[in-house]
């Protein structure tokens, strides 16, 4: 069973590595910059970045109450410039 503590440790390793590569000094800066750059990567690879982000937020939300949840992911709505970018995910 993977715990949220383990997930956070994996993320910590990724953020630390990215911060070193990108020269970020604050965790908040490194996380935001990494997410933005993952968007550029997704675009280059012709992946639906908003769908991936919505899926990730859905997983994170479910894991807050049940680390092993297999419930259906909630609908996540992303607003960009006041316009809804609803992206229902069927990504596991």
Foldseek 3Di string as FASTA:
>chain_A
DDAVVNVVVVVVVVLVVQCVVVVPDDSVVSVVVVLVVVVVVCVVVVHDSVLVVQVVVQLVVVCVVPVPDPDQGDWDWDADPNDTDTHRYPDD
